Amino acid sequence: MEIFNIVLLAISGLLLSVVGTLRLSNPIKNYLKNSGITLAQDVHLLSEMRGVSAVMLMGGLLILAGIFIPKLMVASFLVAVLLFLGFAVGRIIGLKVDGKPNQLILQGLVSEIVLGAANVYCLVSLLME
């Protein structure tokens, strides 16, 4: 189980860190490329997008820290659950309220649910030890 925990934290942390960094550095280009979303050159919108991106980056770094600092492993899984399932819940609400988004966003939803569920499993397993 220890190896599975490490691999899951690595995948979760790297994904959030890379996506967070890319979106933080150039939100217009990276939202279009990775989600098919066209962002306006609006300082207020870009500030919001960079804020969310920074949360993703910082969350990813904390998740990765759980690999190297065993005392942070529970916190790392908790942050991963919060971020992945938080995004998934928001997207599901959006599906119901706003309608069906593009295929790239739906693929993101599936990966968020899968990674969120896997992180819940590992978190519960760690807490049951």
N, C-alpha and C. Protein backbone atom coordinates (compact mmCIF):
# COMPACT_ATOMS: atom_id res chain seq x y z
N MET A 1 0.83 -1.20 0.00
CA MET A 1 0.00 0.00 0.00
C MET A 1 0.87 1.26 0.00
N GLU A 2 2.02 1.17 0.65
CA GLU A 2 2.91 2.34 0.73
C GLU A 2 3.32 2.84 -0.65
N ILE A 3 3.63 1.92 -1.56
CA ILE A 3 4.03 2.32 -2.91
C ILE A 3 2.85 2.97 -3.63
N PHE A 4 1.66 2.42 -3.48
CA PHE A 4 0.46 3.00 -4.10
C PHE A 4 0.25 4.43 -3.59
N ASN A 5 0.40 4.63 -2.28
CA ASN A 5 0.26 5.97 -1.70
C ASN A 5 1.23 6.95 -2.33
N ILE A 6 2.47 6.54 -2.45
CA ILE A 6 3.51 7.42 -3.01
C ILE A 6 3.22 7.73 -4.47
N VAL A 7 2.84 6.72 -5.24
CA VAL A 7 2.54 6.93 -6.67
C VAL A 7 1.34 7.87 -6.82
N LEU A 8 0.30 7.64 -6.03
CA LEU A 8 -0.90 8.48 -6.11
C LEU A 8 -0.58 9.93 -5.71
N LEU A 9 0.19 10.10 -4.65
CA LEU A 9 0.58 11.47 -4.26
C LEU A 9 1.42 12.12 -5.35
N ALA A 10 2.31 11.35 -5.97
CA ALA A 10 3.15 11.90 -7.04
C ALA A 10 2.30 12.34 -8.23
N ILE A 11 1.38 11.48 -8.66
CA ILE A 11 0.51 11.82 -9.80
C ILE A 11 -0.35 13.04 -9.46
N SER A 12 -0.98 12.99 -8.30
CA SER A 12 -1.87 14.09 -7.89
C SER A 12 -1.11 15.39 -7.75
N GLY A 13 0.02 15.35 -7.06
CA GLY A 13 0.80 16.55 -6.81
C GLY A 13 1.42 17.13 -8.07
N LEU A 14 1.95 16.26 -8.92
CA LEU A 14 2.55 16.75 -10.16
C LEU A 14 1.50 17.34 -11.09
N LEU A 15 0.36 16.69 -11.20
CA LEU A 15 -0.71 17.20 -12.05
C LEU A 15 -1.14 18.60 -11.61
N LEU A 16 -1.43 18.75 -10.33
CA LEU A 16 -1.86 20.06 -9.83
C LEU A 16 -0.74 21.10 -9.95
N SER A 17 0.49 20.71 -9.66
CA SER A 17 1.61 21.65 -9.74
C SER A 17 1.86 22.12 -11.17
N VAL A 18 1.85 21.19 -12.10
CA VAL A 18 2.12 21.55 -13.50
C VAL A 18 0.99 22.41 -14.06
N VAL A 19 -0.26 21.96 -13.88
CA VAL A 19 -1.40 22.73 -14.39
C VAL A 19 -1.46 24.10 -13.70
N GLY A 20 -1.25 24.13 -12.40
CA GLY A 20 -1.25 25.40 -11.67
C GLY A 20 -0.19 26.35 -12.19
N THR A 21 1.01 25.83 -12.40
CA THR A 21 2.11 26.67 -12.91
C THR A 21 1.82 27.19 -14.31
N LEU A 22 1.35 26.32 -15.19
CA LEU A 22 1.06 26.75 -16.56
C LEU A 22 -0.04 27.80 -16.60
N ARG A 23 -1.09 27.59 -15.84
CA ARG A 23 -2.20 28.55 -15.84
C ARG A 23 -1.83 29.84 -15.12
N LEU A 24 -0.98 29.75 -14.13
CA LEU A 24 -0.52 30.95 -13.43
C LEU A 24 0.35 31.80 -14.34
N SER A 25 1.22 31.15 -15.11
CA SER A 25 2.16 31.89 -15.95
C SER A 25 1.51 32.50 -17.19
N ASN A 26 0.52 31.81 -17.77
CA ASN A 26 -0.12 32.33 -18.97
C ASN A 26 -1.55 31.78 -19.05
N PRO A 27 -2.47 32.36 -18.29
CA PRO A 27 -3.82 31.80 -18.24
C PRO A 27 -4.55 31.79 -19.58
N ILE A 28 -4.40 32.81 -20.38
CA ILE A 28 -5.13 32.87 -21.65
C ILE A 28 -4.73 31.70 -22.55
N LYS A 29 -3.45 31.51 -22.74
CA LYS A 29 -2.94 30.45 -23.61
C LYS A 29 -3.29 29.06 -23.05
N ASN A 30 -3.09 28.86 -21.75
CA ASN A 30 -3.24 27.53 -21.19
C ASN A 30 -4.69 27.11 -20.97
N TYR A 31 -5.59 28.03 -20.68
CA TYR A 31 -7.00 27.65 -20.60
C TYR A 31 -7.50 27.25 -21.99
N LEU A 32 -7.09 27.99 -23.03
CA LEU A 32 -7.51 27.66 -24.39
C LEU A 32 -6.96 26.29 -24.80
N LYS A 33 -5.67 26.07 -24.55
CA LYS A 33 -5.02 24.82 -24.97
C LYS A 33 -5.55 23.61 -24.21
N ASN A 34 -5.72 23.72 -22.90
CA ASN A 34 -6.06 22.55 -22.08
C ASN A 34 -7.55 22.38 -21.82
N SER A 35 -8.34 23.42 -21.97
CA SER A 35 -9.77 23.32 -21.68
C SER A 35 -10.65 23.81 -22.82
N GLY A 36 -10.03 24.40 -23.84
CA GLY A 36 -10.82 24.94 -24.94
C GLY A 36 -11.59 26.20 -24.57
N ILE A 37 -11.14 26.88 -23.51
CA ILE A 37 -11.83 28.08 -23.02
C ILE A 37 -11.07 29.32 -23.49
N THR A 38 -11.79 30.25 -24.09
CA THR A 38 -11.19 31.52 -24.51
C THR A 38 -11.42 32.54 -23.40
N LEU A 39 -10.34 33.03 -22.83
CA LEU A 39 -10.43 34.06 -21.79
C LEU A 39 -10.21 35.43 -22.42
N ALA A 40 -10.96 36.39 -21.93
CA ALA A 40 -10.79 37.77 -22.40
C ALA A 40 -9.57 38.38 -21.71
N GLN A 41 -9.01 39.40 -22.35
CA GLN A 41 -7.90 40.14 -21.76
C GLN A 41 -8.48 41.13 -20.75
N ASP A 42 -9.04 40.58 -19.68
CA ASP A 42 -9.71 41.36 -18.64
C ASP A 42 -8.92 41.19 -17.34
N VAL A 43 -8.40 42.27 -16.81
CA VAL A 43 -7.52 42.21 -15.64
C VAL A 43 -8.22 41.53 -14.45
N HIS A 44 -9.51 41.74 -14.30
CA HIS A 44 -10.24 41.16 -13.17
C HIS A 44 -10.39 39.64 -13.34
N LEU A 45 -10.76 39.21 -14.53
CA LEU A 45 -10.89 37.79 -14.83
C LEU A 45 -9.54 37.08 -14.72
N LEU A 46 -8.51 37.68 -15.26
CA LEU A 46 -7.17 37.07 -15.20
C LEU A 46 -6.67 36.98 -13.76
N SER A 47 -6.99 37.96 -12.95
CA SER A 47 -6.62 37.91 -11.53
C SER A 47 -7.29 36.72 -10.85
N GLU A 48 -8.57 36.50 -11.13
CA GLU A 48 -9.30 35.36 -10.56
C GLU A 48 -8.70 34.03 -11.04
N MET A 49 -8.38 33.95 -12.32
CA MET A 49 -7.81 32.72 -12.88
C MET A 49 -6.43 32.44 -12.28
N ARG A 50 -5.63 33.48 -12.12
CA ARG A 50 -4.30 33.30 -11.52
C ARG A 50 -4.42 32.90 -10.04
N GLY A 51 -5.43 33.44 -9.35
CA GLY A 51 -5.65 33.07 -7.95
C GLY A 51 -5.95 31.59 -7.80
N VAL A 52 -6.86 31.08 -8.61
CA VAL A 52 -7.20 29.65 -8.58
C VAL A 52 -5.99 28.82 -8.99
N SER A 53 -5.25 29.30 -9.96
CA SER A 53 -4.06 28.57 -10.42
C SER A 53 -3.00 28.49 -9.32
N ALA A 54 -2.84 29.55 -8.57
CA ALA A 54 -1.88 29.55 -7.46
C ALA A 54 -2.30 28.57 -6.37
N VAL A 55 -3.60 28.47 -6.12
CA VAL A 55 -4.10 27.49 -5.15
C VAL A 55 -3.78 26.08 -5.63
N MET A 56 -3.98 25.83 -6.92
CA MET A 56 -3.65 24.52 -7.48
C MET A 56 -2.16 24.22 -7.32
N LEU A 57 -1.32 25.19 -7.64
CA LEU A 57 0.13 25.01 -7.52
C LEU A 57 0.53 24.74 -6.07
N MET A 58 0.06 25.55 -5.15
CA MET A 58 0.42 25.38 -3.74
C MET A 58 -0.11 24.04 -3.18
N GLY A 59 -1.33 23.70 -3.57
CA GLY A 59 -1.89 22.40 -3.16
C GLY A 59 -1.05 21.26 -3.70
N GLY A 60 -0.65 21.36 -4.96
CA GLY A 60 0.19 20.32 -5.56
C GLY A 60 1.52 20.18 -4.84
N LEU A 61 2.12 21.29 -4.46
CA LEU A 61 3.40 21.24 -3.74
C LEU A 61 3.23 20.60 -2.36
N LEU A 62 2.14 20.92 -1.67
CA LEU A 62 1.89 20.30 -0.37
C LEU A 62 1.65 18.80 -0.52
N ILE A 63 0.92 18.42 -1.56
CA ILE A 63 0.69 16.99 -1.81
C ILE A 63 2.03 16.30 -2.05
N LEU A 64 2.89 16.88 -2.85
CA LEU A 64 4.21 16.29 -3.11
C LEU A 64 5.05 16.21 -1.84
N ALA A 65 4.90 17.18 -0.96
CA ALA A 65 5.67 17.16 0.30
C ALA A 65 5.35 15.92 1.13
N GLY A 66 4.12 15.41 1.01
CA GLY A 66 3.72 14.21 1.75
C GLY A 66 4.52 12.98 1.37
N ILE A 67 5.11 12.99 0.20
CA ILE A 67 5.96 11.87 -0.23
C ILE A 67 7.25 11.85 0.57
N PHE A 68 7.79 13.01 0.85
CA PHE A 68 9.11 13.13 1.48
C PHE A 68 9.06 13.34 2.99
N ILE A 69 7.92 13.83 3.47
CA ILE A 69 7.76 14.07 4.90
C ILE A 69 6.57 13.24 5.38
N PRO A 70 6.84 12.06 5.93
CA PRO A 70 5.76 11.14 6.30
C PRO A 70 4.69 11.75 7.20
N LYS A 71 5.05 12.68 8.07
CA LYS A 71 4.05 13.31 8.95
C LYS A 71 3.05 14.16 8.17
N LEU A 72 3.37 14.52 6.94
CA LEU A 72 2.47 15.32 6.11
C LEU A 72 1.58 14.47 5.20
N MET A 73 1.75 13.15 5.22
CA MET A 73 1.02 12.31 4.27
C MET A 73 -0.49 12.45 4.43
N VAL A 74 -1.00 12.43 5.65
CA VAL A 74 -2.44 12.57 5.86
C VAL A 74 -2.92 13.93 5.34
N ALA A 75 -2.19 14.98 5.67
CA ALA A 75 -2.55 16.31 5.18
C ALA A 75 -2.50 16.37 3.65
N SER A 76 -1.54 15.69 3.06
CA SER A 76 -1.42 15.67 1.60
C SER A 76 -2.63 15.01 0.96
N PHE A 77 -3.05 13.88 1.51
CA PHE A 77 -4.24 13.23 0.97
C PHE A 77 -5.48 14.08 1.19
N LEU A 78 -5.56 14.73 2.32
CA LEU A 78 -6.70 15.59 2.62
C LEU A 78 -6.78 16.75 1.62
N VAL A 79 -5.67 17.37 1.33
CA VAL A 79 -5.63 18.47 0.35
C VAL A 79 -6.00 17.96 -1.04
N ALA A 80 -5.48 16.78 -1.40
CA ALA A 80 -5.81 16.20 -2.71
C ALA A 80 -7.30 15.93 -2.82
N VAL A 81 -7.90 15.37 -1.77
CA VAL A 81 -9.34 15.12 -1.77
C VAL A 81 -10.10 16.43 -1.92
N LEU A 82 -9.73 17.41 -1.15
CA LEU A 82 -10.40 18.71 -1.18
C LEU A 82 -10.34 19.32 -2.58
N LEU A 83 -9.16 19.33 -3.19
CA LEU A 83 -9.01 19.97 -4.50
C LEU A 83 -9.70 19.18 -5.61
N PHE A 84 -9.42 17.89 -5.70
CA PHE A 84 -10.00 17.12 -6.81
C PHE A 84 -11.51 16.99 -6.69
N LEU A 85 -12.00 16.65 -5.52
CA LEU A 85 -13.45 16.52 -5.37
C LEU A 85 -14.14 17.88 -5.35
N GLY A 86 -13.43 18.91 -4.89
CA GLY A 86 -13.98 20.26 -4.95
C GLY A 86 -14.22 20.70 -6.38
N PHE A 87 -13.22 20.48 -7.24
CA PHE A 87 -13.40 20.80 -8.65
C PHE A 87 -14.51 19.95 -9.26
N ALA A 88 -14.55 18.67 -8.92
CA ALA A 88 -15.57 17.77 -9.47
C ALA A 88 -16.98 18.21 -9.06
N VAL A 89 -17.16 18.54 -7.79
CA VAL A 89 -18.48 18.99 -7.32
C VAL A 89 -18.89 20.26 -8.05
N GLY A 90 -17.96 21.20 -8.19
CA GLY A 90 -18.27 22.43 -8.92
C GLY A 90 -18.66 22.16 -10.37
N ARG A 91 -17.98 21.25 -11.01
CA ARG A 91 -18.31 20.91 -12.40
C ARG A 91 -19.67 20.21 -12.51
N ILE A 92 -19.96 19.35 -11.55
CA ILE A 92 -21.25 18.66 -11.56
C ILE A 92 -22.39 19.65 -11.35
N ILE A 93 -22.20 20.59 -10.45
CA ILE A 93 -23.20 21.64 -10.27
C ILE A 93 -23.35 22.43 -11.57
N GLY A 94 -22.23 22.75 -12.20
CA GLY A 94 -22.26 23.46 -13.48
C GLY A 94 -23.01 22.67 -14.55
N LEU A 95 -22.84 21.35 -14.58
CA LEU A 95 -23.58 20.51 -15.54
C LEU A 95 -25.08 20.67 -15.35
N LYS A 96 -25.51 20.68 -14.10
CA LYS A 96 -26.94 20.77 -13.80
C LYS A 96 -27.49 22.18 -14.05
N VAL A 97 -26.72 23.18 -13.68
CA VAL A 97 -27.20 24.57 -13.75
C VAL A 97 -26.96 25.20 -15.12
N ASP A 98 -25.78 24.96 -15.69
CA ASP A 98 -25.37 25.67 -16.91
C ASP A 98 -25.46 24.85 -18.19
N GLY A 99 -25.48 23.53 -18.07
CA GLY A 99 -25.50 22.67 -19.25
C GLY A 99 -24.18 21.95 -19.43
N LYS A 100 -24.10 21.19 -20.50
CA LYS A 100 -22.95 20.32 -20.77
C LYS A 100 -21.79 21.12 -21.38
N PRO A 101 -20.61 21.06 -20.72
CA PRO A 101 -19.43 21.74 -21.28
C PRO A 101 -18.77 20.88 -22.37
N ASN A 102 -17.67 21.36 -22.91
CA ASN A 102 -16.98 20.64 -23.97
C ASN A 102 -16.33 19.35 -23.47
N GLN A 103 -15.87 18.54 -24.40
CA GLN A 103 -15.30 17.23 -24.11
C GLN A 103 -14.06 17.32 -23.21
N LEU A 104 -13.22 18.32 -23.41
CA LEU A 104 -12.01 18.46 -22.59
C LEU A 104 -12.37 18.66 -21.12
N ILE A 105 -13.40 19.44 -20.85
CA ILE A 105 -13.81 19.69 -19.47
C ILE A 105 -14.45 18.44 -18.88
N LEU A 106 -15.22 17.71 -19.68
CA LEU A 106 -15.81 16.46 -19.20
C LEU A 106 -14.73 15.42 -18.88
N GLN A 107 -13.67 15.38 -19.68
CA GLN A 107 -12.55 14.49 -19.39
C GLN A 107 -11.88 14.89 -18.08
N GLY A 108 -11.77 16.20 -17.87
CA GLY A 108 -11.22 16.69 -16.60
C GLY A 108 -12.07 16.26 -15.43
N LEU A 109 -13.38 16.32 -15.59
CA LEU A 109 -14.30 15.89 -14.53
C LEU A 109 -14.09 14.43 -14.18
N VAL A 110 -13.96 13.58 -15.18
CA VAL A 110 -13.74 12.15 -14.93
C VAL A 110 -12.43 11.93 -14.18
N SER A 111 -11.37 12.59 -14.61
CA SER A 111 -10.07 12.41 -13.93
C SER A 111 -10.12 12.96 -12.51
N GLU A 112 -10.85 14.04 -12.29
CA GLU A 112 -10.99 14.60 -10.93
C GLU A 112 -11.74 13.64 -10.02
N ILE A 113 -12.78 13.01 -10.54
CA ILE A 113 -13.53 12.04 -9.74
C ILE A 113 -12.65 10.83 -9.41
N VAL A 114 -11.94 10.32 -10.41
CA VAL A 114 -11.08 9.15 -10.20
C VAL A 114 -9.97 9.46 -9.20
N LEU A 115 -9.27 10.57 -9.40
CA LEU A 115 -8.18 10.92 -8.48
C LEU A 115 -8.72 11.28 -7.10
N GLY A 116 -9.84 11.95 -7.05
CA GLY A 116 -10.45 12.28 -5.76
C GLY A 116 -10.83 11.02 -4.99
N ALA A 117 -11.46 10.08 -5.68
CA ALA A 117 -11.86 8.83 -5.03
C ALA A 117 -10.65 8.02 -4.57
N ALA A 118 -9.63 7.96 -5.39
CA ALA A 118 -8.40 7.22 -5.02
C ALA A 118 -7.75 7.87 -3.79
N ASN A 119 -7.74 9.18 -3.74
CA ASN A 119 -7.17 9.88 -2.58
C ASN A 119 -8.03 9.68 -1.33
N VAL A 120 -9.35 9.61 -1.48
CA VAL A 120 -10.22 9.30 -0.34
C VAL A 120 -9.88 7.92 0.19
N TYR A 121 -9.74 6.96 -0.71
CA TYR A 121 -9.41 5.58 -0.31
C TYR A 121 -8.11 5.54 0.49
N CYS A 122 -7.08 6.21 -0.01
CA CYS A 122 -5.79 6.22 0.68
C CYS A 122 -5.87 6.96 2.02
N LEU A 123 -6.60 8.05 2.05
CA LEU A 123 -6.76 8.79 3.30
C LEU A 123 -7.46 7.93 4.35
N VAL A 124 -8.54 7.29 3.98
CA VAL A 124 -9.26 6.44 4.92
C VAL A 124 -8.37 5.28 5.37
N SER A 125 -7.64 4.69 4.44
CA SER A 125 -6.74 3.59 4.79
C SER A 125 -5.68 4.03 5.80
N LEU A 126 -5.11 5.21 5.59
CA LEU A 126 -4.10 5.72 6.52
C LEU A 126 -4.70 5.99 7.89
N LEU A 127 -5.90 6.53 7.92
CA LEU A 127 -6.53 6.86 9.20
C LEU A 127 -6.99 5.61 9.96
N MET A 128 -7.19 4.51 9.25
CA MET A 128 -7.63 3.26 9.88
C MET A 128 -6.45 2.45 10.44
N GLU A 129 -5.23 2.82 10.11
CA GLU A 129 -4.05 2.08 10.58
C GLU A 129 -3.88 2.22 12.07
